[in-house]
Amino acid sequence: MNENWYPHPLRHPSRRLALQWTLALPALAQAVEVPVLRVGRNRPVKSLASASSQATDGMLIEVDAGDYVADVANWPQSDITLRAVGGRVRLRANGASAQGKGIFVTSGERVRIEGFDFIGATVPDRNGAGIRLERGSLHLRDCTFRDNENGVLTSNDKNARLEIEDCEFGTIVRRVGTTHNLYVGAIANLKVSGSYFHHGQLGHLLKSRAAVNHILYNRLTDEIGGEASYELDFPNGGQVLMVGNLIQQSSTTQNPHMVSFGVEGYTWPRQELQLINNTLVDLLPRGGTYLRVSPGPAQVRVINNVLAGNSRFASDAYWEQRGNFIVDLDAFVQASRDNALAADSPLRGKAVDPGLAEGLSLLPTRQFRAPRGTLALAGPAKHPGALQNP
């Protein structure tokens, strides 16, 4: 269940070893039977609330597609998978919440949720979440968060881990004060890939206080009508690797800064920010700030990025900068939606070598695929920016 937490952010060497293990021990694999609990209006177990009281560690919970209204649940179990069957599972809060925190509250190790929509989480303290991660580890795949006060909100448990894969966050509910599409506390690890964040309201599209952050091949675009503050905020620094992301600031933003690092003070032992092969589009009429890094002991590497919409890139002399280009919006195939470089762009083929991490190249091997997900590249990235294929 925790197979995607691996040392290098762009590769997955453990999958080959896992396959070899499976082939070597077929009898053992067949002997292990995962207990299944089935949920649906035509099943003996009709609600997620009932399922959460019956589920045990190691269980697969298959949930029939459909609407589940005011059906909120607490999940303390470990090694469980909640999987939608036959279509989307739509959880409509309708004023209900688990523990006064959100639609789901998870605290087990290696919890996995697939194919669920979390809609309309609100609570009296105005901090309701589609999912609240209290402890343990959580892997979300193909989930949607819409019209919540916060999409996903975590605690500050320094051992907690969160992975988000091929998910969508937006729109967000506007409330007095700030609400965030994703707000990650001071946990151990955050990985986000192939996901789409849009239409924030006052808060940030992605805010993380995690020690280690891998933000890979996502689309984080506030878009028309969005009023997000930062697109990405890492207020306490930490280790941040951003590769292959499309990032766009709307003309109605609440804050001119797109990516912020260390603004509330550095609290982790290591402070590293690496922006590799991202496309940043600033639509603020008077021009915003692509990257804000607070003074302090931070290593900053900015390589192979395409910056559009604002002719000025404010940077510090100590940053490592190579292969970055400032362009006009007409440099793209379609600036409003498709931020791939035009076929005749002189920037094609101009990517430089960003170096290695743990002995492996940091050049992208995938790119974001709309509406959410990723697409494997035929070979190493050749162009600056997030999109290699038009």
Protein backbone atom coordinates (compact mmCIF):
# COMPACT_ATOMS: atom_id res chain seq x y z
CA MET A 1 0.00 0.00 0.00
CA ASN A 2 2.91 2.34 0.64
CA GLU A 3 4.87 1.37 -2.47
CA ASN A 4 4.89 4.86 -3.94
CA TRP A 5 6.98 6.34 -1.13
CA TYR A 6 10.44 5.86 -2.59
CA PRO A 7 13.68 7.85 -2.26
CA HIS A 8 13.91 9.40 -5.72
CA PRO A 9 10.95 11.53 -6.81
CA LEU A 10 11.05 10.83 -10.56
CA ARG A 11 11.69 7.08 -10.69
CA HIS A 12 10.17 3.95 -9.18
CA PRO A 13 12.83 1.22 -9.01
CA SER A 14 10.90 -0.75 -6.37
CA ARG A 15 8.23 -1.78 -8.87
CA ARG A 16 10.63 -4.07 -10.73
CA LEU A 17 11.71 -5.71 -7.47
CA ALA A 18 8.08 -6.14 -6.43
CA LEU A 19 7.30 -7.83 -9.74
CA GLN A 20 10.23 -10.21 -9.35
CA TRP A 21 9.04 -11.10 -5.85
CA THR A 22 5.52 -11.80 -7.12
CA LEU A 23 6.74 -14.04 -9.94
CA ALA A 24 9.03 -15.95 -7.61
CA LEU A 25 6.30 -16.70 -5.08
CA PRO A 26 3.01 -17.25 -6.93
CA ALA A 27 1.70 -19.75 -4.39
CA LEU A 28 2.20 -17.30 -1.54
CA ALA A 29 0.49 -14.50 -3.50
CA GLN A 30 -2.53 -16.70 -4.19
CA ALA A 31 -2.80 -17.74 -0.55
CA VAL A 32 -3.28 -14.17 0.68
CA GLU A 33 -6.96 -13.22 0.47
CA VAL A 34 -7.94 -9.64 1.19
CA PRO A 35 -11.23 -9.36 3.08
CA VAL A 36 -13.80 -7.32 1.12
CA LEU A 37 -16.60 -5.18 2.52
CA ARG A 38 -19.16 -4.01 -0.05
CA VAL A 39 -21.18 -0.84 0.45
CA GLY A 40 -24.23 0.45 -1.45
CA ARG A 41 -27.94 1.11 -1.23
CA ASN A 42 -28.65 -2.46 -2.38
CA ARG A 43 -26.08 -4.01 -0.04
CA PRO A 44 -26.42 -5.10 3.59
CA VAL A 45 -23.98 -2.30 4.45
CA LYS A 46 -25.61 0.82 3.00
CA SER A 47 -23.47 3.71 4.26
CA LEU A 48 -19.86 4.69 4.69
CA ALA A 49 -20.59 5.50 8.33
CA SER A 50 -21.66 1.88 8.89
CA ALA A 51 -18.70 0.57 6.91
CA SER A 52 -16.26 2.55 9.03
CA SER A 53 -17.59 0.90 12.20
CA GLN A 54 -17.27 -2.59 10.67
CA ALA A 55 -14.00 -2.29 8.75
CA THR A 56 -10.84 -3.95 10.07
CA ASP A 57 -7.16 -3.56 9.24
CA GLY A 58 -6.18 -4.85 5.79
CA MET A 59 -9.68 -4.65 4.33
CA LEU A 60 -10.79 -3.64 0.81
CA ILE A 61 -13.97 -1.56 0.93
CA GLU A 62 -15.77 -1.48 -2.42
CA VAL A 63 -18.39 1.26 -2.67
CA ASP A 64 -21.09 1.29 -5.34
CA ALA A 65 -21.26 4.45 -7.44
CA GLY A 66 -23.86 7.07 -6.52
CA ASP A 67 -24.62 9.90 -4.11
CA TYR A 68 -24.05 9.44 -0.37
CA VAL A 69 -25.61 12.41 1.44
CA ALA A 70 -24.49 13.43 4.95
CA ASP A 71 -22.58 10.14 5.07
CA VAL A 72 -19.43 11.04 7.00
CA ALA A 73 -16.92 8.68 8.58
CA ASN A 74 -13.85 8.27 10.74
CA TRP A 75 -11.22 5.76 9.49
CA PRO A 76 -8.68 4.71 12.17
CA GLN A 77 -7.86 1.41 10.42
CA SER A 78 -4.53 0.67 8.69
CA ASP A 79 -3.87 -0.99 5.34
CA ILE A 80 -7.35 -0.33 4.02
CA THR A 81 -8.45 0.66 0.52
CA LEU A 82 -11.71 2.46 -0.25
CA ARG A 83 -12.50 2.03 -3.94
CA ALA A 84 -15.42 3.29 -6.04
CA VAL A 85 -17.08 0.59 -8.16
CA GLY A 86 -19.12 1.24 -11.31
CA GLY A 87 -18.52 4.99 -11.47
CA ARG A 88 -18.00 7.91 -9.11
CA VAL A 89 -18.84 7.83 -5.41
CA ARG A 90 -20.13 11.32 -4.57
CA LEU A 91 -20.00 12.23 -0.88
CA ARG A 92 -22.22 15.29 -0.32
CA ALA A 93 -21.68 16.66 3.18
CA ASN A 94 -24.99 18.54 3.44
CA GLY A 95 -23.92 20.04 6.77
CA ALA A 96 -22.66 16.80 8.36
CA SER A 97 -19.08 16.21 9.49
CA ALA A 98 -16.98 13.57 11.22
CA GLN A 99 -15.57 14.83 14.54
CA GLY A 100 -16.53 18.36 13.46
CA LYS A 101 -13.62 18.26 10.98
CA GLY A 102 -14.70 16.99 7.59
CA ILE A 103 -16.39 14.35 5.47
CA PHE A 104 -13.68 11.78 6.16
CA VAL A 105 -11.12 11.76 8.97
CA THR A 106 -8.23 9.29 8.56
CA SER A 107 -5.63 8.24 11.13
CA GLY A 108 -4.43 4.80 9.98
CA GLU A 109 -1.27 3.79 8.21
CA ARG A 110 -1.36 3.14 4.46
CA VAL A 111 -4.94 4.25 3.80
CA ARG A 112 -5.83 4.45 0.10
CA ILE A 113 -8.92 6.12 -1.42
CA GLU A 114 -9.79 5.85 -5.14
CA GLY A 115 -12.59 7.34 -7.24
CA PHE A 116 -14.38 9.46 -4.61
CA ASP A 117 -15.79 13.00 -4.90
CA PHE A 118 -15.84 15.09 -1.70
CA ILE A 119 -18.38 17.90 -1.94
CA GLY A 120 -19.51 20.71 0.35
CA ALA A 121 -17.61 20.20 3.62
CA THR A 122 -18.40 22.99 6.09
CA VAL A 123 -18.09 23.05 9.88
CA PRO A 124 -18.81 25.65 12.60
CA ASP A 125 -15.16 26.72 12.92
CA ARG A 126 -15.08 27.35 9.12
CA ASN A 127 -12.23 24.88 8.64
CA GLY A 128 -14.11 21.91 7.21
CA ALA A 129 -12.25 19.57 4.85
CA GLY A 130 -13.18 16.96 2.32
CA ILE A 131 -10.59 14.81 4.11
CA ARG A 132 -8.78 15.52 7.34
CA LEU A 133 -5.54 13.53 7.76
CA GLU A 134 -4.79 13.30 11.47
CA ARG A 135 -2.04 10.65 11.60
CA GLY A 136 -0.53 7.84 9.56
CA SER A 137 -0.31 7.86 5.77
CA LEU A 138 -2.87 8.51 3.07
CA HIS A 139 -2.78 7.93 -0.69
CA LEU A 140 -5.50 9.58 -2.79
CA ARG A 141 -5.99 8.60 -6.41
CA ASP A 142 -8.57 9.90 -8.89
CA CYS A 143 -10.46 11.90 -6.26
CA THR A 144 -12.22 15.26 -6.61
CA PHE A 145 -12.66 18.00 -4.01
CA ARG A 146 -15.28 20.66 -4.74
CA ASP A 147 -17.04 23.38 -2.75
CA ASN A 148 -15.33 22.53 0.54
CA GLU A 149 -13.86 25.03 2.98
CA ASN A 150 -10.59 23.11 2.50
CA GLY A 151 -10.07 20.31 0.02
CA VAL A 152 -7.65 18.28 2.14
CA LEU A 153 -6.34 19.46 5.50
CA THR A 154 -3.71 17.70 7.61
CA SER A 155 -2.51 17.90 11.17
CA ASN A 156 1.07 18.72 12.19
CA ASP A 157 2.06 15.12 12.96
CA LYS A 158 5.72 14.97 11.91
CA ASN A 159 5.43 11.28 10.99
CA ALA A 160 2.39 11.63 8.71
CA ARG A 161 2.68 11.20 4.94
CA LEU A 162 0.36 12.22 2.12
CA GLU A 163 0.38 11.27 -1.55
CA ILE A 164 -2.04 12.77 -4.07
CA GLU A 165 -2.22 11.28 -7.56
CA ASP A 166 -4.43 12.33 -10.50
CA CYS A 167 -6.86 14.34 -8.35
CA GLU A 168 -8.75 17.62 -8.79
CA PHE A 169 -9.11 20.46 -6.28
CA GLY A 170 -11.58 23.27 -7.04
CA THR A 171 -13.65 25.26 -6.80
CA ILE A 172 -13.30 26.18 -3.15
CA VAL A 173 -16.00 27.63 -0.86
CA ARG A 174 -15.50 31.30 -0.07
CA ARG A 175 -15.64 32.02 3.65
CA VAL A 176 -14.61 34.81 5.99
CA GLY A 177 -10.89 34.21 6.40
CA THR A 178 -8.72 31.98 4.25
CA THR A 179 -9.67 28.65 2.78
CA HIS A 180 -7.23 26.48 0.85
CA ASN A 181 -7.63 23.91 -1.91
CA LEU A 182 -4.89 21.89 -0.18
CA TYR A 183 -3.38 22.72 3.22
CA VAL A 184 -0.66 20.39 4.50
CA GLY A 185 0.69 20.86 8.00
CA ALA A 186 4.15 20.10 9.37
CA ILE A 187 4.17 16.45 8.29
CA ALA A 188 7.04 14.29 7.01
CA ASN A 189 6.26 13.94 3.30
CA LEU A 190 3.99 15.33 0.63
CA LYS A 191 3.90 14.07 -2.95
CA VAL A 192 1.49 15.52 -5.53
CA SER A 193 1.45 14.35 -9.15
CA GLY A 194 -0.85 14.60 -12.15
CA SER A 195 -3.34 16.76 -10.28
CA TYR A 196 -5.36 19.86 -11.19
CA PHE A 197 -5.83 22.77 -8.79
CA HIS A 198 -8.00 25.71 -9.79
CA HIS A 199 -10.33 28.53 -8.73
CA GLY A 200 -9.08 29.32 -5.26
CA GLN A 201 -10.80 31.83 -2.98
CA LEU A 202 -8.61 34.02 -0.74
CA GLY A 203 -6.41 31.10 0.37
CA HIS A 204 -3.78 29.21 -1.62
CA LEU A 205 -4.13 26.54 -4.26
CA LEU A 206 -1.45 24.51 -2.46
CA LYS A 207 0.04 25.29 0.94
CA SER A 208 2.49 22.92 2.60
CA ARG A 209 4.57 22.97 5.75
CA ALA A 210 5.89 19.44 5.10
CA ALA A 211 9.57 18.61 5.54
CA VAL A 212 9.83 17.05 2.07
CA ASN A 213 7.66 18.07 -0.89
CA HIS A 214 7.63 16.52 -4.37
CA ILE A 215 5.33 18.50 -6.68
CA LEU A 216 5.48 16.75 -10.06
CA TYR A 217 3.61 17.25 -13.35
CA ASN A 218 0.57 19.15 -12.04
CA ARG A 219 -1.61 22.01 -13.26
CA LEU A 220 -2.07 24.76 -10.67
CA THR A 221 -3.96 27.53 -12.45
CA ASP A 222 -6.31 29.96 -10.73
CA GLU A 223 -8.07 30.75 -14.02
CA ILE A 224 -10.90 33.18 -14.82
CA GLY A 225 -12.85 34.06 -11.69
CA GLY A 226 -10.28 32.57 -9.34
CA GLU A 227 -9.10 34.67 -6.41
CA ALA A 228 -6.38 32.55 -4.85
CA SER A 229 -3.55 34.10 -2.88
CA TYR A 230 -0.32 32.17 -3.60
CA GLU A 231 -0.52 29.40 -6.15
CA LEU A 232 2.05 27.46 -4.09
CA ASP A 233 3.22 28.37 -0.60
CA PHE A 234 5.88 26.61 1.48
CA PRO A 235 5.84 28.97 4.47
CA ASN A 236 8.39 27.05 6.57
CA GLY A 237 10.74 26.02 3.79
CA GLY A 238 11.87 22.40 3.86
CA GLN A 239 12.91 20.40 0.82
CA VAL A 240 10.83 21.26 -2.22
CA LEU A 241 11.25 19.74 -5.67
CA MET A 242 8.91 21.14 -8.33
CA VAL A 243 9.22 19.50 -11.75
CA GLY A 244 7.02 19.86 -14.83
CA ASN A 245 4.21 21.98 -13.36
CA LEU A 246 1.90 24.42 -15.16
CA ILE A 247 1.35 27.38 -12.81
CA GLN A 248 -0.89 30.34 -13.63
CA GLN A 249 -1.81 33.42 -11.63
CA SER A 250 -5.20 34.96 -12.46
CA SER A 251 -5.89 38.62 -13.08
CA THR A 252 -8.08 38.66 -9.94
CA THR A 253 -5.51 37.15 -7.56
CA GLN A 254 -5.46 38.22 -3.91
CA ASN A 255 -1.64 38.21 -3.80
CA PRO A 256 0.91 39.13 -6.51
CA HIS A 257 3.29 36.28 -5.55
CA MET A 258 2.92 32.97 -7.37
CA VAL A 259 5.38 30.69 -5.52
CA SER A 260 6.48 31.52 -1.98
CA PHE A 261 9.16 29.85 0.14
CA GLY A 262 10.00 30.49 3.80
CA VAL A 263 7.78 33.52 4.34
CA GLU A 264 6.87 32.44 7.91
CA GLY A 265 10.39 31.40 8.90
CA TYR A 266 12.53 28.32 8.27
CA THR A 267 11.79 25.51 10.71
CA TRP A 268 13.21 22.36 9.06
CA PRO A 269 16.88 21.25 9.16
CA ARG A 270 17.23 21.43 5.33
CA GLN A 271 16.04 24.27 3.13
CA GLU A 272 16.15 23.45 -0.58
CA LEU A 273 13.96 24.76 -3.38
CA GLN A 274 14.37 23.35 -6.86
CA LEU A 275 12.21 24.55 -9.77
CA ILE A 276 12.92 22.40 -12.81
CA ASN A 277 11.06 22.61 -16.14
CA ASN A 278 7.98 24.51 -14.96
CA THR A 279 5.83 26.94 -16.92
CA LEU A 280 4.73 30.00 -14.91
CA VAL A 281 2.14 32.36 -16.42
CA ASP A 282 1.38 35.68 -14.74
CA LEU A 283 -1.91 37.26 -15.82
CA LEU A 284 -1.90 40.05 -13.24
CA PRO A 285 -2.28 43.24 -15.32
CA ARG A 286 0.39 45.21 -13.46
CA GLY A 287 2.70 42.25 -13.08
CA GLY A 288 3.27 39.96 -10.13
CA THR A 289 6.22 38.06 -8.70
CA TYR A 290 7.02 34.61 -10.05
CA LEU A 291 9.07 33.47 -7.05
CA ARG A 292 9.48 34.86 -3.55
CA VAL A 293 12.17 33.39 -1.29
CA SER A 294 12.66 34.79 2.20
CA PRO A 295 16.21 35.54 3.37
CA GLY A 296 17.84 32.62 5.14
CA PRO A 297 19.87 29.44 4.69
CA ALA A 298 18.09 28.22 1.56
CA GLN A 299 19.59 26.60 -1.53
CA VAL A 300 17.62 27.71 -4.61
CA ARG A 301 17.93 26.19 -8.08
CA VAL A 302 15.83 27.57 -10.95
CA ILE A 303 16.45 25.67 -14.19
CA ASN A 304 14.64 25.22 -17.54
CA ASN A 305 11.59 27.28 -16.60
CA VAL A 306 9.43 29.32 -18.98
CA LEU A 307 8.10 32.57 -17.50
CA ALA A 308 5.28 34.36 -19.33
CA GLY A 309 3.09 37.44 -18.93
CA ASN A 310 5.51 39.56 -16.91
CA SER A 311 8.75 40.78 -18.42
CA ARG A 312 10.58 40.97 -15.07
CA PHE A 313 11.89 38.04 -13.03
CA ALA A 314 13.02 39.24 -9.60
CA SER A 315 15.78 36.96 -8.32
CA ASP A 316 18.74 36.91 -5.94
CA ALA A 317 22.36 36.56 -6.95
CA TYR A 318 22.93 33.41 -4.89
CA TRP A 319 20.29 31.42 -6.78
CA GLU A 320 21.53 28.91 -9.32
CA GLN A 321 19.80 29.87 -12.58
CA ARG A 322 20.20 28.24 -15.98
CA GLY A 323 18.05 27.70 -19.04
CA ASN A 324 15.21 30.02 -17.97
CA PHE A 325 13.34 32.13 -20.52
CA ILE A 326 10.94 35.07 -20.24
CA VAL A 327 8.43 35.05 -23.11
CA ASP A 328 5.25 36.76 -24.29
CA LEU A 329 1.95 34.90 -24.10
CA ASP A 330 1.99 34.39 -27.87
CA ALA A 331 4.91 32.00 -27.41
CA PHE A 332 2.37 29.29 -26.55
CA VAL A 333 0.07 27.23 -28.74
CA GLN A 334 -2.92 28.69 -26.86
CA ALA A 335 -2.09 30.93 -23.95
CA SER A 336 -5.48 30.67 -22.26
CA ARG A 337 -5.39 26.89 -22.00
CA ASP A 338 -2.51 25.13 -23.74
CA ASN A 339 0.83 26.41 -22.52
CA ALA A 340 2.94 24.22 -24.80
CA LEU A 341 5.56 26.11 -26.77
CA ALA A 342 4.52 26.83 -30.35
CA ALA A 343 5.89 24.41 -32.93
CA ASP A 344 8.18 27.08 -34.38
CA SER A 345 9.37 28.42 -31.01
CA PRO A 346 13.10 29.18 -30.93
CA LEU A 347 13.15 27.79 -27.36
CA ARG A 348 12.56 24.23 -28.51
CA GLY A 349 15.63 22.13 -27.85
CA LYS A 350 17.09 24.72 -25.44
CA ALA A 351 16.73 22.77 -22.18
CA VAL A 352 19.95 22.38 -20.23
CA ASP A 353 21.04 19.54 -17.98
CA PRO A 354 19.58 20.23 -14.50
CA GLY A 355 21.92 17.75 -12.86
CA LEU A 356 21.33 14.73 -10.68
CA ALA A 357 19.52 13.79 -7.51
CA GLU A 358 20.53 10.53 -5.86
CA GLY A 359 22.41 9.62 -9.01
CA LEU A 360 19.46 10.07 -11.39
CA SER A 361 18.72 12.90 -13.81
CA LEU A 362 16.21 15.59 -12.82
CA LEU A 363 15.05 16.04 -16.40
CA PRO A 364 11.29 15.32 -16.62
CA THR A 365 10.18 11.93 -17.89
CA ARG A 366 6.45 12.76 -17.92
CA GLN A 367 4.13 15.73 -18.40
CA PHE A 368 0.70 16.78 -17.18
CA ARG A 369 -2.23 15.44 -19.20
CA ALA A 370 -5.60 17.22 -19.01
CA PRO A 371 -7.97 17.08 -17.30
CA ARG A 372 -5.76 15.27 -14.77
CA GLY A 373 -3.07 12.64 -14.97
CA THR A 374 0.33 12.36 -16.62
CA LEU A 375 1.74 11.20 -19.91
CA ALA A 376 5.11 9.46 -20.32
CA LEU A 377 7.59 11.22 -22.61
CA ALA A 378 9.23 9.33 -25.44
CA GLY A 379 12.62 10.39 -24.11
CA PRO A 380 14.27 12.92 -21.79
CA ALA A 381 12.90 16.46 -21.92
CA LYS A 382 14.48 18.65 -24.59
CA HIS A 383 12.57 21.90 -24.17
CA PRO A 384 12.27 24.33 -21.26
CA GLY A 385 8.91 24.50 -19.55
CA ALA A 386 6.42 21.89 -18.36
CA LEU A 387 5.04 20.63 -21.68
CA GLN A 388 7.30 18.77 -24.06
CA ASN A 389 4.63 17.45 -26.43
CA PRO A 390 2.11 19.90 -27.97
